[in-house]
Amino acid sequence: MKIIIAGAGSVGRYMAEQLSKFGHDIVLIDTSTKAVGRVDNQSGNIVGLVGDGCEVSTLANAGAKDADVIAAVTGDDEDNLVISLLAKQEFGVPRVVARVNNPNNEWMFNEMWGIDVSVSTPHLLTALVEEAVAVGSLVKLLSLEHGKAGLNEVTLAENSPAVGKAISQLALPRESTVVAIIRDGHVVVPTPDTVLHAADEVLILATGDVESELGNALIGNK
């Protein structure tokens, strides 16, 4: 695949180096010659391009018309939005991924700006910390489809109504499914007959606004 990464900071360079190891052809764009030069190009399939990813000419020089993915991962949300919009509208890039630096801007990172997937590092880190310390609370780990779906986690408390029941016995909403259970540090692939235990970390993929129903089934009334 041909992947263009706009932003040669630590995030962009890491992405370029890792993706290149899988055999992808990478073009790394940044306004800083020094930043582009820091990339470790051991695989030989990373091309550095000094230029402004917010300009159509720079994206054209990077070969955006043939790109499979463009990732806008600069440290500036405005730049990431502009790059994403140009990638989708001017070049019709099939998949556009954008980094959200300021959580207050996350609402803008949607299909109107040409973005297929956005990643908010502050929100993700907060969710992971909450997931590590919260018992008996539903935590959204990851938003998908611009918030239309999400990966949720709950660590079952001793008094959870789900403890001792098989998954098939739970009153889960139709728009949700249990995708994994972490028990004693090991991942359990769930089946309808899997019985839940106290302290199980249950991962649920859900669409729509079903958090209240999930809470009733896995946490109970507080």
N, C-alpha and C. Protein backbone atom coordinates (compact mmCIF):
# COMPACT_ATOMS: atom_id res chain seq x y z
N MET A 1 0.83 -1.20 0.00
CA MET A 1 0.00 0.00 0.00
C MET A 1 0.87 1.25 0.00
N LYS A 2 0.32 2.31 -0.56
CA LYS A 2 1.00 3.59 -0.52
C LYS A 2 0.35 4.44 0.55
N ILE A 3 1.16 4.88 1.51
CA ILE A 3 0.66 5.65 2.65
C ILE A 3 1.41 6.96 2.73
N ILE A 4 0.67 8.06 2.84
CA ILE A 4 1.26 9.37 3.03
C ILE A 4 1.00 9.80 4.46
N ILE A 5 2.06 10.21 5.14
CA ILE A 5 1.96 10.67 6.52
C ILE A 5 2.37 12.14 6.55
N ALA A 6 1.46 12.99 6.98
CA ALA A 6 1.76 14.42 7.11
C ALA A 6 2.07 14.73 8.55
N GLY A 7 3.32 15.10 8.79
CA GLY A 7 3.77 15.37 10.15
C GLY A 7 4.89 14.43 10.53
N ALA A 8 6.11 14.97 10.61
CA ALA A 8 7.27 14.12 10.90
C ALA A 8 7.76 14.32 12.33
N GLY A 9 6.82 14.57 13.24
CA GLY A 9 7.18 14.58 14.64
C GLY A 9 7.40 13.16 15.12
N SER A 10 7.44 12.98 16.43
CA SER A 10 7.72 11.64 16.96
C SER A 10 6.63 10.64 16.55
N VAL A 11 5.37 11.09 16.50
CA VAL A 11 4.27 10.20 16.10
C VAL A 11 4.40 9.81 14.64
N GLY A 12 4.57 10.80 13.78
CA GLY A 12 4.68 10.53 12.35
C GLY A 12 5.88 9.67 11.99
N ARG A 13 7.01 9.94 12.61
CA ARG A 13 8.21 9.15 12.31
C ARG A 13 8.03 7.70 12.77
N TYR A 14 7.46 7.52 13.95
CA TYR A 14 7.24 6.16 14.44
C TYR A 14 6.31 5.41 13.50
N MET A 15 5.22 6.05 13.09
CA MET A 15 4.30 5.40 12.17
C MET A 15 5.00 5.01 10.88
N ALA A 16 5.79 5.93 10.34
CA ALA A 16 6.48 5.66 9.08
C ALA A 16 7.43 4.47 9.21
N GLU A 17 8.18 4.46 10.30
CA GLU A 17 9.16 3.38 10.50
C GLU A 17 8.47 2.04 10.68
N GLN A 18 7.38 2.01 11.46
CA GLN A 18 6.70 0.75 11.70
C GLN A 18 5.97 0.24 10.45
N LEU A 19 5.28 1.13 9.77
CA LEU A 19 4.53 0.73 8.57
C LEU A 19 5.46 0.29 7.45
N SER A 20 6.62 0.92 7.37
CA SER A 20 7.57 0.53 6.32
C SER A 20 8.09 -0.89 6.53
N LYS A 21 8.14 -1.33 7.79
CA LYS A 21 8.61 -2.69 8.08
C LYS A 21 7.64 -3.75 7.54
N PHE A 22 6.39 -3.34 7.33
CA PHE A 22 5.40 -4.27 6.79
C PHE A 22 5.35 -4.22 5.27
N GLY A 23 6.30 -3.50 4.69
CA GLY A 23 6.41 -3.47 3.24
C GLY A 23 5.63 -2.38 2.54
N HIS A 24 5.02 -1.47 3.30
CA HIS A 24 4.27 -0.38 2.68
C HIS A 24 5.22 0.70 2.18
N ASP A 25 4.82 1.38 1.13
CA ASP A 25 5.58 2.52 0.61
C ASP A 25 5.09 3.77 1.31
N ILE A 26 6.00 4.48 1.96
CA ILE A 26 5.64 5.62 2.80
C ILE A 26 6.23 6.90 2.22
N VAL A 27 5.39 7.94 2.20
CA VAL A 27 5.87 9.30 1.94
C VAL A 27 5.61 10.11 3.20
N LEU A 28 6.68 10.67 3.77
CA LEU A 28 6.60 11.42 5.02
C LEU A 28 6.79 12.89 4.72
N ILE A 29 5.77 13.70 5.04
CA ILE A 29 5.78 15.13 4.72
C ILE A 29 5.95 15.96 5.99
N ASP A 30 6.79 16.99 5.90
CA ASP A 30 6.90 17.95 6.99
C ASP A 30 7.56 19.21 6.44
N THR A 31 7.25 20.34 7.09
CA THR A 31 7.87 21.60 6.67
C THR A 31 9.32 21.68 7.13
N SER A 32 9.71 20.82 8.07
CA SER A 32 11.06 20.86 8.63
C SER A 32 11.96 19.80 7.99
N THR A 33 13.02 20.26 7.36
CA THR A 33 14.00 19.33 6.78
C THR A 33 14.63 18.47 7.87
N LYS A 34 14.88 19.09 9.02
CA LYS A 34 15.51 18.36 10.14
C LYS A 34 14.60 17.24 10.62
N ALA A 35 13.30 17.51 10.74
CA ALA A 35 12.35 16.50 11.22
C ALA A 35 12.28 15.33 10.25
N VAL A 36 12.20 15.63 8.97
CA VAL A 36 12.14 14.55 7.96
C VAL A 36 13.42 13.73 7.99
N GLY A 37 14.56 14.40 8.21
CA GLY A 37 15.84 13.70 8.20
C GLY A 37 16.06 12.79 9.39
N ARG A 38 15.23 12.94 10.44
CA ARG A 38 15.41 12.11 11.63
C ARG A 38 14.85 10.71 11.47
N VAL A 39 14.05 10.47 10.46
CA VAL A 39 13.40 9.17 10.32
C VAL A 39 14.43 8.09 10.04
N ASP A 40 14.23 6.94 10.65
CA ASP A 40 15.11 5.78 10.45
C ASP A 40 14.58 4.98 9.27
N ASN A 41 15.25 5.10 8.15
CA ASN A 41 14.76 4.49 6.90
C ASN A 41 15.53 3.21 6.57
N GLN A 42 15.60 2.30 7.54
CA GLN A 42 16.35 1.06 7.32
C GLN A 42 15.73 0.21 6.22
N SER A 43 14.42 0.25 6.11
CA SER A 43 13.76 -0.57 5.09
C SER A 43 13.96 -0.02 3.69
N GLY A 44 14.27 1.27 3.60
CA GLY A 44 14.52 1.88 2.29
C GLY A 44 13.27 2.27 1.54
N ASN A 45 12.09 2.10 2.13
CA ASN A 45 10.87 2.44 1.39
C ASN A 45 10.12 3.63 2.00
N ILE A 46 10.88 4.53 2.65
CA ILE A 46 10.31 5.79 3.14
C ILE A 46 10.92 6.93 2.34
N VAL A 47 10.06 7.74 1.75
CA VAL A 47 10.50 8.91 1.00
C VAL A 47 10.15 10.15 1.81
N GLY A 48 11.14 10.97 2.10
CA GLY A 48 10.89 12.20 2.83
C GLY A 48 10.61 13.34 1.87
N LEU A 49 9.62 14.17 2.20
CA LEU A 49 9.27 15.29 1.35
C LEU A 49 9.10 16.52 2.23
N VAL A 50 9.93 17.53 1.97
CA VAL A 50 9.84 18.78 2.72
C VAL A 50 8.81 19.68 2.04
N GLY A 51 7.76 20.02 2.77
CA GLY A 51 6.71 20.85 2.21
C GLY A 51 5.55 20.97 3.17
N ASP A 52 4.58 21.76 2.81
CA ASP A 52 3.41 22.01 3.63
C ASP A 52 2.26 21.11 3.17
N GLY A 53 1.86 20.17 4.02
CA GLY A 53 0.79 19.25 3.66
C GLY A 53 -0.55 19.92 3.47
N CYS A 54 -0.68 21.19 3.90
CA CYS A 54 -1.92 21.93 3.71
C CYS A 54 -2.04 22.50 2.29
N GLU A 55 -1.00 22.31 1.48
CA GLU A 55 -1.03 22.82 0.12
C GLU A 55 -1.28 21.68 -0.85
N VAL A 56 -2.16 21.93 -1.82
CA VAL A 56 -2.51 20.91 -2.81
C VAL A 56 -1.28 20.46 -3.57
N SER A 57 -0.39 21.40 -3.89
CA SER A 57 0.80 21.06 -4.67
C SER A 57 1.70 20.08 -3.93
N THR A 58 1.80 20.24 -2.62
CA THR A 58 2.64 19.33 -1.83
C THR A 58 2.05 17.93 -1.83
N LEU A 59 0.75 17.83 -1.62
CA LEU A 59 0.10 16.51 -1.64
C LEU A 59 0.19 15.88 -3.02
N ALA A 60 0.10 16.70 -4.06
CA ALA A 60 0.23 16.19 -5.43
C ALA A 60 1.63 15.64 -5.65
N ASN A 61 2.64 16.37 -5.18
CA ASN A 61 4.03 15.90 -5.31
C ASN A 61 4.28 14.62 -4.53
N ALA A 62 3.52 14.45 -3.46
CA ALA A 62 3.65 13.23 -2.65
C ALA A 62 2.95 12.04 -3.30
N GLY A 63 2.18 12.30 -4.35
CA GLY A 63 1.46 11.22 -5.03
C GLY A 63 0.13 10.88 -4.40
N ALA A 64 -0.57 11.90 -3.90
CA ALA A 64 -1.83 11.67 -3.20
C ALA A 64 -2.89 11.00 -4.08
N LYS A 65 -2.83 11.24 -5.38
CA LYS A 65 -3.84 10.65 -6.27
C LYS A 65 -3.74 9.13 -6.32
N ASP A 66 -2.60 8.59 -5.94
CA ASP A 66 -2.41 7.14 -5.94
C ASP A 66 -2.35 6.56 -4.53
N ALA A 67 -2.55 7.40 -3.51
CA ALA A 67 -2.40 6.94 -2.13
C ALA A 67 -3.60 6.10 -1.69
N ASP A 68 -3.32 5.08 -0.90
CA ASP A 68 -4.38 4.27 -0.29
C ASP A 68 -4.85 4.88 1.02
N VAL A 69 -3.91 5.50 1.74
CA VAL A 69 -4.21 6.10 3.04
C VAL A 69 -3.41 7.38 3.19
N ILE A 70 -4.03 8.40 3.75
CA ILE A 70 -3.30 9.59 4.19
C ILE A 70 -3.58 9.77 5.68
N ALA A 71 -2.50 9.94 6.45
CA ALA A 71 -2.62 10.15 7.89
C ALA A 71 -2.12 11.56 8.21
N ALA A 72 -3.01 12.39 8.75
CA ALA A 72 -2.65 13.74 9.14
C ALA A 72 -2.36 13.74 10.64
N VAL A 73 -1.08 13.76 11.01
CA VAL A 73 -0.71 13.58 12.42
C VAL A 73 0.21 14.69 12.91
N THR A 74 0.03 15.90 12.37
CA THR A 74 0.82 17.01 12.85
C THR A 74 0.38 17.39 14.26
N GLY A 75 1.10 18.30 14.88
CA GLY A 75 0.75 18.75 16.21
C GLY A 75 -0.25 19.89 16.21
N ASP A 76 -0.81 20.20 15.03
CA ASP A 76 -1.75 21.31 14.89
C ASP A 76 -3.07 20.79 14.34
N ASP A 77 -4.16 20.94 15.09
CA ASP A 77 -5.45 20.41 14.67
C ASP A 77 -5.96 21.08 13.39
N GLU A 78 -5.73 22.37 13.24
CA GLU A 78 -6.18 23.06 12.04
C GLU A 78 -5.50 22.48 10.80
N ASP A 79 -4.21 22.24 10.91
CA ASP A 79 -3.48 21.64 9.78
C ASP A 79 -4.03 20.25 9.47
N ASN A 80 -4.29 19.46 10.50
CA ASN A 80 -4.79 18.11 10.27
C ASN A 80 -6.15 18.11 9.59
N LEU A 81 -6.99 19.08 9.94
CA LEU A 81 -8.29 19.20 9.30
C LEU A 81 -8.16 19.58 7.83
N VAL A 82 -7.30 20.55 7.55
CA VAL A 82 -7.12 21.00 6.16
C VAL A 82 -6.53 19.88 5.30
N ILE A 83 -5.52 19.20 5.83
CA ILE A 83 -4.89 18.10 5.10
C ILE A 83 -5.91 17.02 4.78
N SER A 84 -6.74 16.70 5.76
CA SER A 84 -7.75 15.65 5.58
C SER A 84 -8.76 16.04 4.52
N LEU A 85 -9.22 17.29 4.57
CA LEU A 85 -10.21 17.75 3.60
C LEU A 85 -9.65 17.73 2.19
N LEU A 86 -8.41 18.19 2.02
CA LEU A 86 -7.78 18.17 0.70
C LEU A 86 -7.59 16.74 0.20
N ALA A 87 -7.17 15.86 1.11
CA ALA A 87 -6.95 14.46 0.72
C ALA A 87 -8.20 13.83 0.16
N LYS A 88 -9.34 14.11 0.80
CA LYS A 88 -10.59 13.48 0.38
C LYS A 88 -11.21 14.20 -0.82
N GLN A 89 -11.27 15.53 -0.76
CA GLN A 89 -11.98 16.27 -1.81
C GLN A 89 -11.17 16.43 -3.08
N GLU A 90 -9.88 16.71 -2.95
CA GLU A 90 -9.06 16.97 -4.14
C GLU A 90 -8.51 15.70 -4.76
N PHE A 91 -8.26 14.69 -3.93
CA PHE A 91 -7.59 13.49 -4.44
C PHE A 91 -8.40 12.21 -4.26
N GLY A 92 -9.50 12.27 -3.54
CA GLY A 92 -10.34 11.08 -3.37
C GLY A 92 -9.64 9.93 -2.69
N VAL A 93 -8.79 10.23 -1.70
CA VAL A 93 -8.06 9.18 -0.99
C VAL A 93 -9.07 8.28 -0.26
N PRO A 94 -8.98 6.97 -0.44
CA PRO A 94 -9.98 6.06 0.14
C PRO A 94 -10.09 6.12 1.66
N ARG A 95 -8.96 6.29 2.34
CA ARG A 95 -9.01 6.28 3.81
C ARG A 95 -8.15 7.42 4.36
N VAL A 96 -8.77 8.26 5.16
CA VAL A 96 -8.09 9.40 5.76
C VAL A 96 -8.16 9.27 7.27
N VAL A 97 -6.99 9.30 7.90
CA VAL A 97 -6.89 9.17 9.35
C VAL A 97 -6.30 10.47 9.90
N ALA A 98 -6.87 10.97 11.00
CA ALA A 98 -6.39 12.24 11.54
C ALA A 98 -6.19 12.16 13.04
N ARG A 99 -5.20 12.86 13.49
CA ARG A 99 -4.87 12.94 14.92
C ARG A 99 -5.54 14.17 15.52
N VAL A 100 -6.18 13.98 16.69
CA VAL A 100 -6.77 15.09 17.44
C VAL A 100 -5.83 15.43 18.59
N ASN A 101 -5.34 16.66 18.61
CA ASN A 101 -4.44 17.08 19.68
C ASN A 101 -5.19 17.67 20.86
N ASN A 102 -6.18 18.50 20.57
CA ASN A 102 -6.97 19.14 21.61
C ASN A 102 -8.34 18.47 21.67
N PRO A 103 -8.68 17.81 22.78
CA PRO A 103 -9.96 17.10 22.86
C PRO A 103 -11.17 17.98 22.58
N ASN A 104 -11.05 19.29 22.82
CA ASN A 104 -12.17 20.19 22.56
C ASN A 104 -12.48 20.32 21.07
N ASN A 105 -11.54 19.90 20.24
CA ASN A 105 -11.74 19.99 18.78
C ASN A 105 -12.25 18.69 18.17
N GLU A 106 -12.43 17.67 18.99
CA GLU A 106 -12.75 16.35 18.45
C GLU A 106 -14.05 16.34 17.65
N TRP A 107 -15.00 17.18 18.03
CA TRP A 107 -16.30 17.20 17.34
C TRP A 107 -16.18 17.57 15.87
N MET A 108 -15.10 18.26 15.50
CA MET A 108 -14.92 18.66 14.10
C MET A 108 -14.34 17.56 13.23
N PHE A 109 -13.72 16.57 13.84
CA PHE A 109 -13.02 15.55 13.09
C PHE A 109 -14.00 14.47 12.61
N ASN A 110 -14.72 14.79 11.56
CA ASN A 110 -15.74 13.89 11.05
C ASN A 110 -15.72 13.86 9.53
N GLU A 111 -16.71 13.20 8.94
CA GLU A 111 -16.74 13.04 7.49
C GLU A 111 -16.89 14.34 6.73
N MET A 112 -17.42 15.38 7.39
CA MET A 112 -17.53 16.68 6.72
C MET A 112 -16.17 17.24 6.37
N TRP A 113 -15.16 16.85 7.13
CA TRP A 113 -13.78 17.27 6.86
C TRP A 113 -13.00 16.16 6.14
N GLY A 114 -13.71 15.17 5.65
CA GLY A 114 -13.05 14.12 4.88
C GLY A 114 -12.37 13.06 5.71
N ILE A 115 -12.67 13.03 7.01
CA ILE A 115 -11.95 12.13 7.93
C ILE A 115 -12.75 10.84 8.12
N ASP A 116 -12.09 9.71 7.88
CA ASP A 116 -12.72 8.41 8.10
C ASP A 116 -12.52 7.93 9.53
N VAL A 117 -11.33 8.17 10.09
CA VAL A 117 -11.02 7.74 11.45
C VAL A 117 -10.23 8.84 12.13
N SER A 118 -10.66 9.22 13.34
CA SER A 118 -9.90 10.19 14.13
C SER A 118 -9.47 9.54 15.43
N VAL A 119 -8.30 9.96 15.91
CA VAL A 119 -7.76 9.40 17.14
C VAL A 119 -7.42 10.56 18.08
N SER A 120 -8.10 10.58 19.24
CA SER A 120 -7.82 11.59 20.25
C SER A 120 -6.98 10.96 21.35
N THR A 121 -5.70 11.24 21.35
CA THR A 121 -4.80 10.63 22.32
C THR A 121 -5.18 10.97 23.77
N PRO A 122 -5.52 12.23 24.08
CA PRO A 122 -5.92 12.51 25.47
C PRO A 122 -7.14 11.72 25.92
N HIS A 123 -8.15 11.61 25.05
CA HIS A 123 -9.34 10.84 25.42
C HIS A 123 -9.00 9.36 25.60
N LEU A 124 -8.17 8.83 24.71
CA LEU A 124 -7.81 7.42 24.79
C LEU A 124 -7.04 7.13 26.07
N LEU A 125 -6.08 7.97 26.41
CA LEU A 125 -5.30 7.76 27.63
C LEU A 125 -6.18 7.87 28.87
N THR A 126 -7.10 8.83 28.87
CA THR A 126 -8.01 8.98 30.01
C THR A 126 -8.86 7.74 30.18
N ALA A 127 -9.38 7.22 29.07
CA ALA A 127 -10.22 6.02 29.14
C ALA A 127 -9.42 4.82 29.64
N LEU A 128 -8.18 4.71 29.21
CA LEU A 128 -7.36 3.57 29.63
C LEU A 128 -7.03 3.65 31.12
N VAL A 129 -6.78 4.86 31.62
CA VAL A 129 -6.52 5.02 33.05
C VAL A 129 -7.78 4.69 33.85
N GLU A 130 -8.93 5.20 33.37
CA GLU A 130 -10.19 4.93 34.06
C GLU A 130 -10.50 3.45 34.05
N GLU A 131 -10.24 2.80 32.92
CA GLU A 131 -10.48 1.35 32.81
C GLU A 131 -9.64 0.58 33.80
N ALA A 132 -8.43 1.08 34.07
CA ALA A 132 -7.51 0.36 34.97
C ALA A 132 -7.93 0.46 36.43
N VAL A 133 -8.64 1.53 36.79
CA VAL A 133 -8.94 1.74 38.21
C VAL A 133 -10.43 1.60 38.55
N ALA A 134 -11.28 1.60 37.52
CA ALA A 134 -12.72 1.60 37.80
C ALA A 134 -13.27 0.17 37.85
N VAL A 135 -14.02 -0.12 38.89
CA VAL A 135 -14.74 -1.40 39.01
C VAL A 135 -16.23 -1.08 39.11
N GLY A 136 -17.03 -1.78 38.31
CA GLY A 136 -18.46 -1.53 38.34
C GLY A 136 -18.88 -0.28 37.60
N SER A 137 -18.05 0.20 36.68
CA SER A 137 -18.39 1.36 35.87
C SER A 137 -18.15 1.04 34.40
N LEU A 138 -19.04 1.55 33.54
CA LEU A 138 -18.91 1.34 32.11
C LEU A 138 -17.99 2.41 31.54
N VAL A 139 -16.93 1.99 30.86
CA VAL A 139 -15.94 2.91 30.32
C VAL A 139 -15.88 2.74 28.81
N LYS A 140 -16.00 3.84 28.07
CA LYS A 140 -15.85 3.77 26.61
C LYS A 140 -14.37 3.90 26.28
N LEU A 141 -13.81 2.83 25.73
CA LEU A 141 -12.40 2.82 25.39
C LEU A 141 -12.12 3.45 24.03
N LEU A 142 -13.06 3.25 23.11
CA LEU A 142 -12.79 3.67 21.73
C LEU A 142 -14.10 4.00 21.03
N SER A 143 -14.12 5.14 20.33
CA SER A 143 -15.28 5.51 19.53
C SER A 143 -15.03 5.13 18.08
N LEU A 144 -16.04 4.60 17.43
CA LEU A 144 -15.94 4.20 16.04
C LEU A 144 -17.06 4.88 15.25
N GLU A 145 -16.85 5.01 13.95
CA GLU A 145 -17.85 5.64 13.08
C GLU A 145 -18.29 6.99 13.62
N HIS A 146 -17.28 7.77 14.07
CA HIS A 146 -17.54 9.12 14.57
C HIS A 146 -18.58 9.12 15.69
N GLY A 147 -18.45 8.16 16.60
CA GLY A 147 -19.31 8.10 17.76
C GLY A 147 -20.55 7.26 17.61
N LYS A 148 -20.81 6.74 16.42
CA LYS A 148 -22.00 5.92 16.21
C LYS A 148 -21.85 4.54 16.84
N ALA A 149 -20.62 4.13 17.06
CA ALA A 149 -20.35 2.84 17.70
C ALA A 149 -19.18 3.02 18.67
N GLY A 150 -19.02 2.06 19.55
CA GLY A 150 -17.94 2.19 20.50
C GLY A 150 -17.56 0.86 21.13
N LEU A 151 -16.32 0.80 21.60
CA LEU A 151 -15.84 -0.36 22.36
C LEU A 151 -15.87 0.03 23.83
N ASN A 152 -16.67 -0.68 24.60
CA ASN A 152 -16.85 -0.37 26.02
C ASN A 152 -16.26 -1.47 26.89
N GLU A 153 -15.92 -1.08 28.13
CA GLU A 153 -15.35 -2.05 29.07
C GLU A 153 -15.96 -1.85 30.44
N VAL A 154 -16.21 -2.97 31.12
CA VAL A 154 -16.65 -2.91 32.51
C VAL A 154 -15.99 -4.05 33.27
N THR A 155 -15.45 -3.73 34.44
CA THR A 155 -14.94 -4.76 35.34
C THR A 155 -16.06 -5.10 36.32
N LEU A 156 -16.48 -6.36 36.30
CA LEU A 156 -17.66 -6.76 37.07
C LEU A 156 -17.38 -6.75 38.57
N ALA A 157 -18.21 -6.03 39.29
CA ALA A 157 -18.13 -6.01 40.75
C ALA A 157 -18.78 -7.28 41.31
N GLU A 158 -18.53 -7.52 42.58
CA GLU A 158 -19.09 -8.72 43.23
C GLU A 158 -20.62 -8.74 43.15
N ASN A 159 -21.24 -7.57 43.23
CA ASN A 159 -22.70 -7.49 43.25
C ASN A 159 -23.30 -7.25 41.86
N SER A 160 -22.51 -7.43 40.81
CA SER A 160 -23.03 -7.26 39.46
C SER A 160 -24.10 -8.30 39.16
N PRO A 161 -25.21 -7.92 38.53
CA PRO A 161 -26.25 -8.89 38.19
C PRO A 161 -25.80 -9.89 37.12
N ALA A 162 -24.65 -9.62 36.49
CA ALA A 162 -24.16 -10.52 35.46
C ALA A 162 -23.32 -11.67 36.01
N VAL A 163 -22.84 -11.52 37.25
CA VAL A 163 -21.97 -12.55 37.83
C VAL A 163 -22.75 -13.85 38.02
N GLY A 164 -22.15 -14.93 37.55
CA GLY A 164 -22.78 -16.24 37.67
C GLY A 164 -23.73 -16.58 36.53
N LYS A 165 -23.90 -15.64 35.60
CA LYS A 165 -24.80 -15.89 34.46
C LYS A 165 -23.99 -16.14 33.19
N ALA A 166 -24.58 -16.95 32.30
CA ALA A 166 -24.00 -17.12 30.98
C ALA A 166 -24.35 -15.89 30.14
N ILE A 167 -23.52 -15.60 29.14
CA ILE A 167 -23.75 -14.42 28.30
C ILE A 167 -25.14 -14.46 27.66
N SER A 168 -25.58 -15.66 27.27
CA SER A 168 -26.89 -15.79 26.63
C SER A 168 -28.03 -15.42 27.57
N GLN A 169 -27.77 -15.42 28.89
CA GLN A 169 -28.81 -15.10 29.87
C GLN A 169 -28.88 -13.60 30.19
N LEU A 170 -27.93 -12.83 29.68
CA LEU A 170 -27.90 -11.41 29.99
C LEU A 170 -28.91 -10.65 29.14
N ALA A 171 -29.47 -9.62 29.71
CA ALA A 171 -30.42 -8.78 28.98
C ALA A 171 -29.68 -7.67 28.25
N LEU A 172 -28.77 -8.08 27.37
CA LEU A 172 -27.99 -7.11 26.61
C LEU A 172 -28.82 -6.58 25.44
N PRO A 173 -28.64 -5.31 25.08
CA PRO A 173 -29.36 -4.77 23.92
C PRO A 173 -28.91 -5.48 22.63
N ARG A 174 -29.82 -5.55 21.66
CA ARG A 174 -29.53 -6.23 20.40
C ARG A 174 -28.38 -5.57 19.66
N GLU A 175 -28.17 -4.29 19.93
CA GLU A 175 -27.12 -3.54 19.23
C GLU A 175 -25.74 -3.74 19.83
N SER A 176 -25.60 -4.71 20.73
CA SER A 176 -24.31 -4.91 21.40
C SER A 176 -23.92 -6.38 21.37
N THR A 177 -22.61 -6.61 21.50
CA THR A 177 -22.12 -7.98 21.60
C THR A 177 -20.85 -8.01 22.44
N VAL A 178 -20.71 -9.04 23.26
CA VAL A 178 -19.49 -9.22 24.06
C VAL A 178 -18.42 -9.80 23.15
N VAL A 179 -17.32 -9.07 22.99
CA VAL A 179 -16.28 -9.50 22.04
C VAL A 179 -15.08 -10.14 22.73
N ALA A 180 -14.90 -9.90 24.03
CA ALA A 180 -13.78 -10.52 24.74
C ALA A 180 -13.98 -10.38 26.24
N ILE A 181 -13.36 -11.28 26.96
CA ILE A 181 -13.35 -11.23 28.42
C ILE A 181 -11.90 -11.41 28.87
N ILE A 182 -11.47 -10.53 29.75
CA ILE A 182 -10.12 -10.68 30.32
C ILE A 182 -10.28 -11.19 31.75
N ARG A 183 -9.75 -12.38 31.98
CA ARG A 183 -9.92 -13.05 33.27
C ARG A 183 -8.56 -13.51 33.76
N ASP A 184 -8.18 -13.05 34.94
CA ASP A 184 -6.87 -13.42 35.54
C ASP A 184 -5.72 -13.15 34.57
N GLY A 185 -5.84 -12.06 33.84
CA GLY A 185 -4.76 -11.67 32.94
C GLY A 185 -4.76 -12.37 31.60
N HIS A 186 -5.74 -13.21 31.35
CA HIS A 186 -5.82 -13.95 30.08
C HIS A 186 -7.09 -13.57 29.32
N VAL A 187 -6.99 -13.57 28.00
CA VAL A 187 -8.14 -13.25 27.17
C VAL A 187 -8.97 -14.51 26.94
N VAL A 188 -10.26 -14.40 27.22
CA VAL A 188 -11.20 -15.49 26.99
C VAL A 188 -12.10 -15.10 25.82
N VAL A 189 -12.13 -15.94 24.79
CA VAL A 189 -13.03 -15.70 23.66
C VAL A 189 -14.42 -16.15 24.07
N PRO A 190 -15.38 -15.24 24.13
CA PRO A 190 -16.69 -15.60 24.69
C PRO A 190 -17.57 -16.40 23.74
N THR A 191 -18.39 -17.25 24.32
CA THR A 191 -19.45 -17.96 23.60
C THR A 191 -20.74 -17.69 24.36
N PRO A 192 -21.90 -18.01 23.81
CA PRO A 192 -23.16 -17.78 24.54
C PRO A 192 -23.20 -18.50 25.90
N ASP A 193 -22.43 -19.60 26.04
CA ASP A 193 -22.46 -20.37 27.28
C ASP A 193 -21.42 -19.92 28.31
N THR A 194 -20.58 -18.94 27.94
CA THR A 194 -19.55 -18.48 28.87
C THR A 194 -20.18 -17.82 30.10
N VAL A 195 -19.82 -18.33 31.29
CA VAL A 195 -20.35 -17.78 32.54
C VAL A 195 -19.41 -16.70 33.05
N LEU A 196 -19.96 -15.57 33.43
CA LEU A 196 -19.16 -14.43 33.89
C LEU A 196 -18.87 -14.53 35.38
N HIS A 197 -17.66 -14.08 35.74
CA HIS A 197 -17.21 -14.12 37.13
C HIS A 197 -16.98 -12.69 37.63
N ALA A 198 -16.99 -12.51 38.94
CA ALA A 198 -16.61 -11.24 39.52
C ALA A 198 -15.16 -10.94 39.14
N ALA A 199 -14.85 -9.67 38.89
CA ALA A 199 -13.53 -9.18 38.48
C ALA A 199 -13.22 -9.45 37.02
N ASP A 200 -14.14 -10.09 36.28
CA ASP A 200 -13.95 -10.21 34.83
C ASP A 200 -13.97 -8.82 34.19
N GLU A 201 -13.06 -8.58 33.24
CA GLU A 201 -13.12 -7.37 32.43
C GLU A 201 -13.84 -7.74 31.14
N VAL A 202 -15.01 -7.18 30.96
CA VAL A 202 -15.86 -7.53 29.82
C VAL A 202 -15.79 -6.42 28.78
N LEU A 203 -15.45 -6.77 27.55
CA LEU A 203 -15.37 -5.82 26.45
C LEU A 203 -16.59 -5.99 25.56
N ILE A 204 -17.31 -4.90 25.33
CA ILE A 204 -18.55 -4.96 24.56
C ILE A 204 -18.49 -3.97 23.40
N LEU A 205 -18.79 -4.44 22.21
CA LEU A 205 -18.92 -3.58 21.05
C LEU A 205 -20.39 -3.23 20.89
N ALA A 206 -20.69 -1.94 20.81
CA ALA A 206 -22.09 -1.52 20.76
C ALA A 206 -22.28 -0.38 19.77
N THR A 207 -23.46 -0.34 19.17
CA THR A 207 -23.85 0.76 18.30
C THR A 207 -25.05 1.47 18.89
N GLY A 208 -25.14 2.75 18.60
CA GLY A 208 -26.28 3.51 19.10
C GLY A 208 -26.14 3.88 20.57
N ASP A 209 -27.17 4.46 21.11
CA ASP A 209 -27.18 4.94 22.49
C ASP A 209 -27.75 3.85 23.40
N VAL A 210 -26.91 2.90 23.77
CA VAL A 210 -27.38 1.77 24.58
C VAL A 210 -26.63 1.66 25.90
N GLU A 211 -25.93 2.71 26.31
CA GLU A 211 -25.14 2.65 27.53
C GLU A 211 -26.00 2.35 28.76
N SER A 212 -27.20 2.92 28.79
CA SER A 212 -28.08 2.69 29.95
C SER A 212 -28.47 1.22 30.04
N GLU A 213 -28.78 0.59 28.90
CA GLU A 213 -29.16 -0.82 28.90
C GLU A 213 -27.97 -1.70 29.27
N LEU A 214 -26.80 -1.35 28.78
CA LEU A 214 -25.60 -2.11 29.14
C LEU A 214 -25.33 -2.00 30.64
N GLY A 215 -25.52 -0.79 31.17
CA GLY A 215 -25.32 -0.59 32.61
C GLY A 215 -26.26 -1.43 33.44
N ASN A 216 -27.53 -1.50 33.03
CA ASN A 216 -28.50 -2.31 33.77
C ASN A 216 -28.14 -3.79 33.76
N ALA A 217 -27.63 -4.26 32.64
CA ALA A 217 -27.31 -5.69 32.50
C ALA A 217 -26.02 -6.07 33.20
N LEU A 218 -25.04 -5.18 33.21
CA LEU A 218 -23.72 -5.55 33.71
C LEU A 218 -23.37 -4.91 35.05
N ILE A 219 -24.04 -3.83 35.38
CA ILE A 219 -23.72 -3.13 36.62
C ILE A 219 -24.87 -3.20 37.61
N GLY A 220 -26.09 -3.04 37.08
CA GLY A 220 -27.27 -3.04 37.94
C GLY A 220 -27.63 -1.63 38.37
N ASN A 221 -28.72 -1.50 39.03
CA ASN A 221 -29.16 -0.18 39.51
C ASN A 221 -28.33 0.25 40.70
N LYS A 222 -27.89 1.52 40.65
CA LYS A 222 -27.07 2.04 41.75
C LYS A 222 -27.91 2.88 42.68
